Amino acid sequence: QTPAIIKSWNTASVTDTAVGEYAVSITTAYADINYIMTNSNNFDVGGEPDAAGGQLHSINSSGAEVAPTTTSYRVRTDGHGSGSKDLKYNYTTIHGDLA
């Protein structure tokens, strides 16, 4: 499943970097990295319920932190009991002051 930007403001691109891992680029930089983000994920790509969900600022291969910048952040998604997995619905919002 190819990620897409839908009804978004200030998102330049979303790149699928690995199974269950996405890099998001921001169009206009935020004033600092203290912006607020929310993430909602559900359903496996095949429509199976009970996906484990998502995590911000993390890579799947190691679970290591990837610190946000004023122009980018990472989203990680996991399937129920299966570790890294692409999910059907992945939503992220950001609230903060632009530079």
PDB file of N, CA and C in Angstrom:
ATOM      1  N   GLN A   1       0.849  -1.169   0.000  1.00  0.00           N
ATOM      2  CA  GLN A   1       0.000   0.000   0.000  1.00  0.00           C
ATOM      3  C   GLN A   1       0.896   1.235   0.000  1.00  0.00           C
ATOM      4  N   THR A   2       0.648   2.149  -0.908  1.00  0.00           N
ATOM      5  CA  THR A   2       1.452   3.351  -1.047  1.00  0.00           C
ATOM      6  C   THR A   2       0.907   4.461  -0.161  1.00  0.00           C
ATOM      7  N   PRO A   3       1.758   5.088   0.673  1.00  0.00           N
ATOM      8  CA  PRO A   3       1.273   6.182   1.508  1.00  0.00           C
ATOM      9  C   PRO A   3       0.917   7.394   0.657  1.00  0.00           C
ATOM     10  N   ALA A   4      -0.053   8.158   1.113  1.00  0.00           N
ATOM     11  CA  ALA A   4      -0.485   9.345   0.389  1.00  0.00           C
ATOM     12  C   ALA A   4      -0.837  10.452   1.373  1.00  0.00           C
ATOM     13  N   ILE A   5      -0.671  11.673   0.935  1.00  0.00           N
ATOM     14  CA  ILE A   5      -1.061  12.830   1.729  1.00  0.00           C
ATOM     15  C   ILE A   5      -2.508  13.139   1.367  1.00  0.00           C
ATOM     16  N   ILE A   6      -3.383  13.140   2.370  1.00  0.00           N
ATOM     17  CA  ILE A   6      -4.801  13.386   2.137  1.00  0.00           C
ATOM     18  C   ILE A   6      -5.256  14.548   3.011  1.00  0.00           C
ATOM     19  N   LYS A   7      -5.801  15.567   2.388  1.00  0.00           N
ATOM     20  CA  LYS A   7      -6.314  16.735   3.104  1.00  0.00           C
ATOM     21  C   LYS A   7      -5.336  17.224   4.156  1.00  0.00           C
ATOM     22  N   SER A   8      -4.152  17.517   3.712  1.00  0.00           N
ATOM     23  CA  SER A   8      -3.110  17.905   4.638  1.00  0.00           C
ATOM     24  C   SER A   8      -2.666  19.331   4.390  1.00  0.00           C
ATOM     25  N   TRP A   9      -2.250  19.962   5.440  1.00  0.00           N
ATOM     26  CA  TRP A   9      -1.669  21.285   5.363  1.00  0.00           C
ATOM     27  C   TRP A   9      -0.253  21.180   5.895  1.00  0.00           C
ATOM     28  N   ASN A  10       0.706  21.702   5.168  1.00  0.00           N
ATOM     29  CA  ASN A  10       2.095  21.805   5.576  1.00  0.00           C
ATOM     30  C   ASN A  10       2.864  20.474   5.540  1.00  0.00           C
ATOM     31  N   THR A  11       2.389  19.510   4.776  1.00  0.00           N
ATOM     32  CA  THR A  11       3.136  18.271   4.594  1.00  0.00           C
ATOM     33  C   THR A  11       3.652  18.219   3.163  1.00  0.00           C
ATOM     34  N   ALA A  12       4.969  18.134   3.022  1.00  0.00           N
ATOM     35  CA  ALA A  12       5.578  18.116   1.696  1.00  0.00           C
ATOM     36  C   ALA A  12       5.552  16.731   1.079  1.00  0.00           C
ATOM     37  N   SER A  13       5.879  15.705   1.900  1.00  0.00           N
ATOM     38  CA  SER A  13       5.930  14.347   1.366  1.00  0.00           C
ATOM     39  C   SER A  13       5.880  13.324   2.489  1.00  0.00           C
ATOM     40  N   VAL A  14       5.477  12.104   2.102  1.00  0.00           N
ATOM     41  CA  VAL A  14       5.523  10.949   2.994  1.00  0.00           C
ATOM     42  C   VAL A  14       6.251   9.854   2.228  1.00  0.00           C
ATOM     43  N   THR A  15       7.309   9.327   2.821  1.00  0.00           N
ATOM     44  CA  THR A  15       8.106   8.297   2.178  1.00  0.00           C
ATOM     45  C   THR A  15       8.012   7.001   2.969  1.00  0.00           C
ATOM     46  N   ASP A  16       7.678   5.924   2.290  1.00  0.00           N
ATOM     47  CA  ASP A  16       7.632   4.599   2.906  1.00  0.00           C
ATOM     48  C   ASP A  16       9.065   4.088   2.922  1.00  0.00           C
ATOM     49  N   THR A  17       9.711   4.124   4.100  1.00  0.00           N
ATOM     50  CA  THR A  17      11.132   3.784   4.187  1.00  0.00           C
ATOM     51  C   THR A  17      11.393   2.312   4.489  1.00  0.00           C
ATOM     52  N   ALA A  18      10.390   1.599   5.010  1.00  0.00           N
ATOM     53  CA  ALA A  18      10.502   0.171   5.327  1.00  0.00           C
ATOM     54  C   ALA A  18       9.112  -0.314   5.721  1.00  0.00           C
ATOM     55  N   VAL A  19       8.955  -1.601   5.978  1.00  0.00           N
ATOM     56  CA  VAL A  19       7.667  -2.125   6.434  1.00  0.00           C
ATOM     57  C   VAL A  19       7.304  -1.439   7.744  1.00  0.00           C
ATOM     58  N   GLY A  20       6.153  -0.769   7.757  1.00  0.00           N
ATOM     59  CA  GLY A  20       5.691  -0.104   8.963  1.00  0.00           C
ATOM     60  C   GLY A  20       6.485   1.115   9.370  1.00  0.00           C
ATOM     61  N   GLU A  21       7.163   1.745   8.434  1.00  0.00           N
ATOM     62  CA  GLU A  21       7.995   2.909   8.769  1.00  0.00           C
ATOM     63  C   GLU A  21       7.885   3.977   7.689  1.00  0.00           C
ATOM     64  N   TYR A  22       7.619   5.214   8.133  1.00  0.00           N
ATOM     65  CA  TYR A  22       7.398   6.324   7.212  1.00  0.00           C
ATOM     66  C   TYR A  22       8.174   7.550   7.660  1.00  0.00           C
ATOM     67  N   ALA A  23       8.738   8.265   6.703  1.00  0.00           N
ATOM     68  CA  ALA A  23       9.408   9.533   6.963  1.00  0.00           C
ATOM     69  C   ALA A  23       8.527  10.633   6.380  1.00  0.00           C
ATOM     70  N   VAL A  24       8.220  11.634   7.188  1.00  0.00           N
ATOM     71  CA  VAL A  24       7.355  12.731   6.764  1.00  0.00           C
ATOM     72  C   VAL A  24       8.172  14.015   6.701  1.00  0.00           C
ATOM     73  N   SER A  25       8.077  14.724   5.580  1.00  0.00           N
ATOM     74  CA  SER A  25       8.752  16.011   5.407  1.00  0.00           C
ATOM     75  C   SER A  25       7.723  17.124   5.498  1.00  0.00           C
ATOM     76  N   ILE A  26       8.081  18.169   6.203  1.00  0.00           N
ATOM     77  CA  ILE A  26       7.197  19.308   6.450  1.00  0.00           C
ATOM     78  C   ILE A  26       7.541  20.416   5.460  1.00  0.00           C
ATOM     79  N   THR A  27       6.520  21.059   4.885  1.00  0.00           N
ATOM     80  CA  THR A  27       6.726  22.095   3.882  1.00  0.00           C
ATOM     81  C   THR A  27       7.372  23.342   4.469  1.00  0.00           C
ATOM     82  N   THR A  28       6.745  23.952   5.460  1.00  0.00           N
ATOM     83  CA  THR A  28       7.253  25.154   6.113  1.00  0.00           C
ATOM     84  C   THR A  28       7.714  24.776   7.512  1.00  0.00           C
ATOM     85  N   ALA A  29       8.945  25.075   7.828  1.00  0.00           N
ATOM     86  CA  ALA A  29       9.537  24.678   9.112  1.00  0.00           C
ATOM     87  C   ALA A  29       8.751  25.241  10.294  1.00  0.00           C
ATOM     88  N   TYR A  30       8.743  24.453  11.371  1.00  0.00           N
ATOM     89  CA  TYR A  30       8.182  24.928  12.634  1.00  0.00           C
ATOM     90  C   TYR A  30       9.247  25.739  13.364  1.00  0.00           C
ATOM     91  N   ALA A  31       8.823  26.580  14.305  1.00  0.00           N
ATOM     92  CA  ALA A  31       9.739  27.456  15.029  1.00  0.00           C
ATOM     93  C   ALA A  31      10.764  26.665  15.830  1.00  0.00           C
ATOM     94  N   ASP A  32      10.357  25.501  16.339  1.00  0.00           N
ATOM     95  CA  ASP A  32      11.253  24.625  17.093  1.00  0.00           C
ATOM     96  C   ASP A  32      10.648  23.219  17.078  1.00  0.00           C
ATOM     97  N   ILE A  33      11.276  22.261  17.756  1.00  0.00           N
ATOM     98  CA  ILE A  33      10.757  20.890  17.729  1.00  0.00           C
ATOM     99  C   ILE A  33       9.707  20.634  18.807  1.00  0.00           C
ATOM    100  N   ASN A  34       9.247  21.676  19.464  1.00  0.00           N
ATOM    101  CA  ASN A  34       8.254  21.520  20.516  1.00  0.00           C
ATOM    102  C   ASN A  34       6.818  21.606  19.991  1.00  0.00           C
ATOM    103  N   TYR A  35       6.603  21.158  18.757  1.00  0.00           N
ATOM    104  CA  TYR A  35       5.245  21.080  18.239  1.00  0.00           C
ATOM    105  C   TYR A  35       4.586  19.819  18.799  1.00  0.00           C
ATOM    106  N   ILE A  36       3.272  19.803  18.796  1.00  0.00           N
ATOM    107  CA  ILE A  36       2.523  18.677  19.355  1.00  0.00           C
ATOM    108  C   ILE A  36       2.026  17.810  18.212  1.00  0.00           C
ATOM    109  N   MET A  37       2.210  16.489  18.359  1.00  0.00           N
ATOM    110  CA  MET A  37       1.788  15.561  17.324  1.00  0.00           C
ATOM    111  C   MET A  37       0.871  14.503  17.915  1.00  0.00           C
ATOM    112  N   THR A  38      -0.096  14.086  17.131  1.00  0.00           N
ATOM    113  CA  THR A  38      -0.925  12.946  17.503  1.00  0.00           C
ATOM    114  C   THR A  38      -0.872  11.945  16.358  1.00  0.00           C
ATOM    115  N   ASN A  39      -1.024  10.685  16.686  1.00  0.00           N
ATOM    116  CA  ASN A  39      -0.921   9.629  15.689  1.00  0.00           C
ATOM    117  C   ASN A  39      -2.015   8.606  15.948  1.00  0.00           C
ATOM    118  N   SER A  40      -2.736   8.224  14.912  1.00  0.00           N
ATOM    119  CA  SER A  40      -3.784   7.214  15.031  1.00  0.00           C
ATOM    120  C   SER A  40      -3.610   6.205  13.910  1.00  0.00           C
ATOM    121  N   ASN A  41      -3.587   4.930  14.254  1.00  0.00           N
ATOM    122  CA  ASN A  41      -3.410   3.865  13.272  1.00  0.00           C
ATOM    123  C   ASN A  41      -4.373   2.735  13.595  1.00  0.00           C
ATOM    124  N   ASN A  42      -4.934   2.122  12.558  1.00  0.00           N
ATOM    125  CA  ASN A  42      -5.769   0.947  12.802  1.00  0.00           C
ATOM    126  C   ASN A  42      -5.921   0.101  11.553  1.00  0.00           C
ATOM    127  N   PHE A  43      -6.261  -1.132  11.753  1.00  0.00           N
ATOM    128  CA  PHE A  43      -6.506  -2.169  10.757  1.00  0.00           C
ATOM    129  C   PHE A  43      -5.275  -2.508   9.936  1.00  0.00           C
ATOM    130  N   ASP A  44      -4.996  -3.784   9.880  1.00  0.00           N
ATOM    131  CA  ASP A  44      -3.942  -4.265   9.003  1.00  0.00           C
ATOM    132  C   ASP A  44      -4.381  -4.039   7.567  1.00  0.00           C
ATOM    133  N   VAL A  45      -3.440  -4.038   6.641  1.00  0.00           N
ATOM    134  CA  VAL A  45      -3.735  -3.757   5.233  1.00  0.00           C
ATOM    135  C   VAL A  45      -4.833  -4.663   4.696  1.00  0.00           C
ATOM    136  N   GLY A  46      -4.867  -5.915   5.124  1.00  0.00           N
ATOM    137  CA  GLY A  46      -5.894  -6.849   4.673  1.00  0.00           C
ATOM    138  C   GLY A  46      -7.241  -6.653   5.356  1.00  0.00           C
ATOM    139  N   GLY A  47      -7.352  -5.654   6.232  1.00  0.00           N
ATOM    140  CA  GLY A  47      -8.610  -5.369   6.907  1.00  0.00           C
ATOM    141  C   GLY A  47      -8.760  -6.060   8.249  1.00  0.00           C
ATOM    142  N   GLU A  48      -7.726  -6.792   8.687  1.00  0.00           N
ATOM    143  CA  GLU A  48      -7.806  -7.467   9.974  1.00  0.00           C
ATOM    144  C   GLU A  48      -7.823  -6.428  11.094  1.00  0.00           C
ATOM    145  N   PRO A  49      -8.690  -6.587  12.099  1.00  0.00           N
ATOM    146  CA  PRO A  49      -8.763  -5.625  13.185  1.00  0.00           C
ATOM    147  C   PRO A  49      -7.623  -5.811  14.189  1.00  0.00           C
ATOM    148  N   ASP A  50      -7.618  -4.947  15.166  1.00  0.00           N
ATOM    149  CA  ASP A  50      -6.709  -5.032  16.317  1.00  0.00           C
ATOM    150  C   ASP A  50      -5.244  -4.825  15.979  1.00  0.00           C
ATOM    151  N   ALA A  51      -4.957  -3.925  15.084  1.00  0.00           N
ATOM    152  CA  ALA A  51      -3.558  -3.580  14.863  1.00  0.00           C
ATOM    153  C   ALA A  51      -3.024  -2.962  16.153  1.00  0.00           C
ATOM    154  N   ALA A  52      -1.743  -3.163  16.422  1.00  0.00           N
ATOM    155  CA  ALA A  52      -1.154  -2.667  17.669  1.00  0.00           C
ATOM    156  C   ALA A  52      -1.077  -1.149  17.695  1.00  0.00           C
ATOM    157  N   GLY A  53      -0.924  -0.496  16.546  1.00  0.00           N
ATOM    158  CA  GLY A  53      -0.896   0.959  16.513  1.00  0.00           C
ATOM    159  C   GLY A  53       0.403   1.518  16.021  1.00  0.00           C
ATOM    160  N   GLY A  54       0.656   2.760  16.409  1.00  0.00           N
ATOM    161  CA  GLY A  54       1.827   3.450  15.891  1.00  0.00           C
ATOM    162  C   GLY A  54       2.627   4.143  16.973  1.00  0.00           C
ATOM    163  N   GLN A  55       3.791   4.569  16.571  1.00  0.00           N
ATOM    164  CA  GLN A  55       4.685   5.276  17.471  1.00  0.00           C
ATOM    165  C   GLN A  55       5.376   6.358  16.662  1.00  0.00           C
ATOM    166  N   LEU A  56       5.594   7.506  17.271  1.00  0.00           N
ATOM    167  CA  LEU A  56       6.282   8.598  16.608  1.00  0.00           C
ATOM    168  C   LEU A  56       7.755   8.593  16.995  1.00  0.00           C
ATOM    169  N   HIS A  57       8.603   9.071  16.104  1.00  0.00           N
ATOM    170  CA  HIS A  57      10.034   9.258  16.348  1.00  0.00           C
ATOM    171  C   HIS A  57      10.778   7.959  16.616  1.00  0.00           C
ATOM    172  N   SER A  58      10.445   6.904  15.909  1.00  0.00           N
ATOM    173  CA  SER A  58      11.097   5.617  16.124  1.00  0.00           C
ATOM    174  C   SER A  58      11.276   4.899  14.795  1.00  0.00           C
ATOM    175  N   ILE A  59      12.357   4.123  14.679  1.00  0.00           N
ATOM    176  CA  ILE A  59      12.542   3.291  13.494  1.00  0.00           C
ATOM    177  C   ILE A  59      12.310   1.838  13.876  1.00  0.00           C
ATOM    178  N   ASN A  60      11.749   1.082  12.971  1.00  0.00           N
ATOM    179  CA  ASN A  60      11.381  -0.298  13.261  1.00  0.00           C
ATOM    180  C   ASN A  60      12.558  -1.244  13.364  1.00  0.00           C
ATOM    181  N   SER A  61      13.570  -1.054  12.559  1.00  0.00           N
ATOM    182  CA  SER A  61      14.658  -2.025  12.518  1.00  0.00           C
ATOM    183  C   SER A  61      15.362  -2.178  13.860  1.00  0.00           C
ATOM    184  N   SER A  62      15.456  -1.091  14.630  1.00  0.00           N
ATOM    185  CA  SER A  62      16.153  -1.165  15.915  1.00  0.00           C
ATOM    186  C   SER A  62      15.301  -0.684  17.083  1.00  0.00           C
ATOM    187  N   GLY A  63      14.211   0.018  16.791  1.00  0.00           N
ATOM    188  CA  GLY A  63      13.403   0.616  17.838  1.00  0.00           C
ATOM    189  C   GLY A  63      14.026   1.884  18.384  1.00  0.00           C
ATOM    190  N   ALA A  64      15.143   2.300  17.792  1.00  0.00           N
ATOM    191  CA  ALA A  64      15.863   3.479  18.256  1.00  0.00           C
ATOM    192  C   ALA A  64      15.083   4.756  17.961  1.00  0.00           C
ATOM    193  N   GLU A  65      15.357   5.749  18.766  1.00  0.00           N
ATOM    194  CA  GLU A  65      14.735   7.060  18.575  1.00  0.00           C
ATOM    195  C   GLU A  65      15.307   7.760  17.354  1.00  0.00           C
ATOM    196  N   VAL A  66      14.423   8.431  16.617  1.00  0.00           N
ATOM    197  CA  VAL A  66      14.824   9.347  15.563  1.00  0.00           C
ATOM    198  C   VAL A  66      14.214  10.674  15.970  1.00  0.00           C
ATOM    199  N   ALA A  67      15.035  11.561  16.486  1.00  0.00           N
ATOM    200  CA  ALA A  67      14.527  12.831  17.012  1.00  0.00           C
ATOM    201  C   ALA A  67      13.861  13.645  15.905  1.00  0.00           C
ATOM    202  N   PRO A  68      12.746  14.313  16.229  1.00  0.00           N
ATOM    203  CA  PRO A  68      12.104  15.165  15.236  1.00  0.00           C
ATOM    204  C   PRO A  68      12.977  16.380  14.945  1.00  0.00           C
ATOM    205  N   THR A  69      12.788  16.954  13.781  1.00  0.00           N
ATOM    206  CA  THR A  69      13.428  18.226  13.457  1.00  0.00           C
ATOM    207  C   THR A  69      12.310  19.216  13.160  1.00  0.00           C
ATOM    208  N   THR A  70      12.648  20.415  12.816  1.00  0.00           N
ATOM    209  CA  THR A  70      11.623  21.412  12.497  1.00  0.00           C
ATOM    210  C   THR A  70      10.997  21.152  11.133  1.00  0.00           C
ATOM    211  N   THR A  71      11.582  20.221  10.356  1.00  0.00           N
ATOM    212  CA  THR A  71      11.065  19.946   9.013  1.00  0.00           C
ATOM    213  C   THR A  71      10.800  18.467   8.728  1.00  0.00           C
ATOM    214  N   SER A  72      10.946  17.575   9.732  1.00  0.00           N
ATOM    215  CA  SER A  72      10.674  16.160   9.479  1.00  0.00           C
ATOM    216  C   SER A  72      10.440  15.381  10.772  1.00  0.00           C
ATOM    217  N   TYR A  73       9.774  14.229  10.610  1.00  0.00           N
ATOM    218  CA  TYR A  73       9.568  13.314  11.726  1.00  0.00           C
ATOM    219  C   TYR A  73       9.325  11.911  11.177  1.00  0.00           C
ATOM    220  N   ARG A  74       9.345  10.897  12.039  1.00  0.00           N
ATOM    221  CA  ARG A  74       9.133   9.505  11.650  1.00  0.00           C
ATOM    222  C   ARG A  74       7.873   8.947  12.293  1.00  0.00           C
ATOM    223  N   VAL A  75       7.212   8.049  11.586  1.00  0.00           N
ATOM    224  CA  VAL A  75       6.049   7.323  12.102  1.00  0.00           C
ATOM    225  C   VAL A  75       6.347   5.838  11.955  1.00  0.00           C
ATOM    226  N   ARG A  76       6.080   5.077  12.992  1.00  0.00           N
ATOM    227  CA  ARG A  76       6.285   3.621  12.995  1.00  0.00           C
ATOM    228  C   ARG A  76       4.946   2.956  13.279  1.00  0.00           C
ATOM    229  N   THR A  77       4.624   1.877  12.564  1.00  0.00           N
ATOM    230  CA  THR A  77       3.370   1.157  12.793  1.00  0.00           C
ATOM    231  C   THR A  77       3.639  -0.325  13.017  1.00  0.00           C
ATOM    232  N   ASP A  78       2.859  -0.915  13.911  1.00  0.00           N
ATOM    233  CA  ASP A  78       3.007  -2.326  14.262  1.00  0.00           C
ATOM    234  C   ASP A  78       1.672  -3.040  14.158  1.00  0.00           C
ATOM    235  N   GLY A  79       1.686  -4.274  13.672  1.00  0.00           N
ATOM    236  CA  GLY A  79       0.496  -5.108  13.643  1.00  0.00           C
ATOM    237  C   GLY A  79       0.345  -5.845  14.960  1.00  0.00           C
ATOM    238  N   HIS A  80      -0.830  -6.329  15.220  1.00  0.00           N
ATOM    239  CA  HIS A  80      -1.108  -7.031  16.472  1.00  0.00           C
ATOM    240  C   HIS A  80      -0.292  -8.306  16.560  1.00  0.00           C
ATOM    241  N   GLY A  81       0.627  -8.362  17.518  1.00  0.00           N
ATOM    242  CA  GLY A  81       1.434  -9.553  17.738  1.00  0.00           C
ATOM    243  C   GLY A  81       2.417  -9.887  16.644  1.00  0.00           C
ATOM    244  N   SER A  82       2.638  -8.964  15.699  1.00  0.00           N
ATOM    245  CA  SER A  82       3.505  -9.313  14.571  1.00  0.00           C
ATOM    246  C   SER A  82       4.680  -8.366  14.378  1.00  0.00           C
ATOM    247  N   GLY A  83       4.884  -7.416  15.252  1.00  0.00           N
ATOM    248  CA  GLY A  83       5.970  -6.455  15.063  1.00  0.00           C
ATOM    249  C   GLY A  83       5.648  -5.479  13.949  1.00  0.00           C
ATOM    250  N   SER A  84       6.652  -5.015  13.247  1.00  0.00           N
ATOM    251  CA  SER A  84       6.493  -4.019  12.189  1.00  0.00           C
ATOM    252  C   SER A  84       5.510  -4.487  11.133  1.00  0.00           C
ATOM    253  N   LYS A  85       4.586  -3.617  10.788  1.00  0.00           N
ATOM    254  CA  LYS A  85       3.603  -3.973   9.766  1.00  0.00           C
ATOM    255  C   LYS A  85       2.987  -2.715   9.183  1.00  0.00           C
ATOM    256  N   ASP A  86       2.788  -2.716   7.865  1.00  0.00           N
ATOM    257  CA  ASP A  86       2.054  -1.625   7.237  1.00  0.00           C
ATOM    258  C   ASP A  86       0.595  -1.748   7.646  1.00  0.00           C
ATOM    259  N   LEU A  87      -0.011  -0.645   8.039  1.00  0.00           N
ATOM    260  CA  LEU A  87      -1.409  -0.655   8.433  1.00  0.00           C
ATOM    261  C   LEU A  87      -2.239   0.091   7.404  1.00  0.00           C
ATOM    262  N   LYS A  88      -3.534  -0.155   7.406  1.00  0.00           N
ATOM    263  CA  LYS A  88      -4.431   0.414   6.400  1.00  0.00           C
ATOM    264  C   LYS A  88      -4.673   1.902   6.614  1.00  0.00           C
ATOM    265  N   TYR A  89      -4.888   2.308   7.855  1.00  0.00           N
ATOM    266  CA  TYR A  89      -5.185   3.713   8.162  1.00  0.00           C
ATOM    267  C   TYR A  89      -4.129   4.267   9.099  1.00  0.00           C
ATOM    268  N   ASN A  90      -3.432   5.316   8.656  1.00  0.00           N
ATOM    269  CA  ASN A  90      -2.398   5.979   9.454  1.00  0.00           C
ATOM    270  C   ASN A  90      -2.645   7.480   9.381  1.00  0.00           C
ATOM    271  N   TYR A  91      -2.965   8.087  10.490  1.00  0.00           N
ATOM    272  CA  TYR A  91      -3.259   9.514  10.523  1.00  0.00           C
ATOM    273  C   TYR A  91      -2.345  10.211  11.516  1.00  0.00           C
ATOM    274  N   THR A  92      -1.799  11.341  11.122  1.00  0.00           N
ATOM    275  CA  THR A  92      -0.944  12.133  11.992  1.00  0.00           C
ATOM    276  C   THR A  92      -1.356  13.599  11.864  1.00  0.00           C
ATOM    277  N   THR A  93      -1.431  14.288  13.001  1.00  0.00           N
ATOM    278  CA  THR A  93      -1.679  15.733  12.992  1.00  0.00           C
ATOM    279  C   THR A  93      -0.563  16.425  13.763  1.00  0.00           C
ATOM    280  N   ILE A  94      -0.284  17.667  13.385  1.00  0.00           N
ATOM    281  CA  ILE A  94       0.739  18.452  14.061  1.00  0.00           C
ATOM    282  C   ILE A  94       0.151  19.820  14.398  1.00  0.00           C
ATOM    283  N   HIS A  95       0.470  20.302  15.593  1.00  0.00           N
ATOM    284  CA  HIS A  95       0.041  21.630  16.029  1.00  0.00           C
ATOM    285  C   HIS A  95       1.256  22.344  16.591  1.00  0.00           C
ATOM    286  N   GLY A  96       1.572  23.509  16.032  1.00  0.00           N
ATOM    287  CA  GLY A  96       2.719  24.256  16.526  1.00  0.00           C
ATOM    288  C   GLY A  96       2.884  25.571  15.791  1.00  0.00           C
ATOM    289  N   ASP A  97       3.851  26.344  16.234  1.00  0.00           N
ATOM    290  CA  ASP A  97       4.137  27.655  15.626  1.00  0.00           C
ATOM    291  C   ASP A  97       5.103  27.486  14.464  1.00  0.00           C
ATOM    292  N   LEU A  98       4.750  28.086  13.329  1.00  0.00           N
ATOM    293  CA  LEU A  98       5.643  28.049  12.185  1.00  0.00           C
ATOM    294  C   LEU A  98       6.769  29.061  12.374  1.00  0.00           C
ATOM    295  N   ALA A  99       7.903  28.793  11.744  1.00  0.00           N
ATOM    296  CA  ALA A  99       9.069  29.688  11.876  1.00  0.00           C
ATOM    297  C   ALA A  99       8.782  31.022  11.220  1.00  0.00           C
TER     298      ALA A  99
END
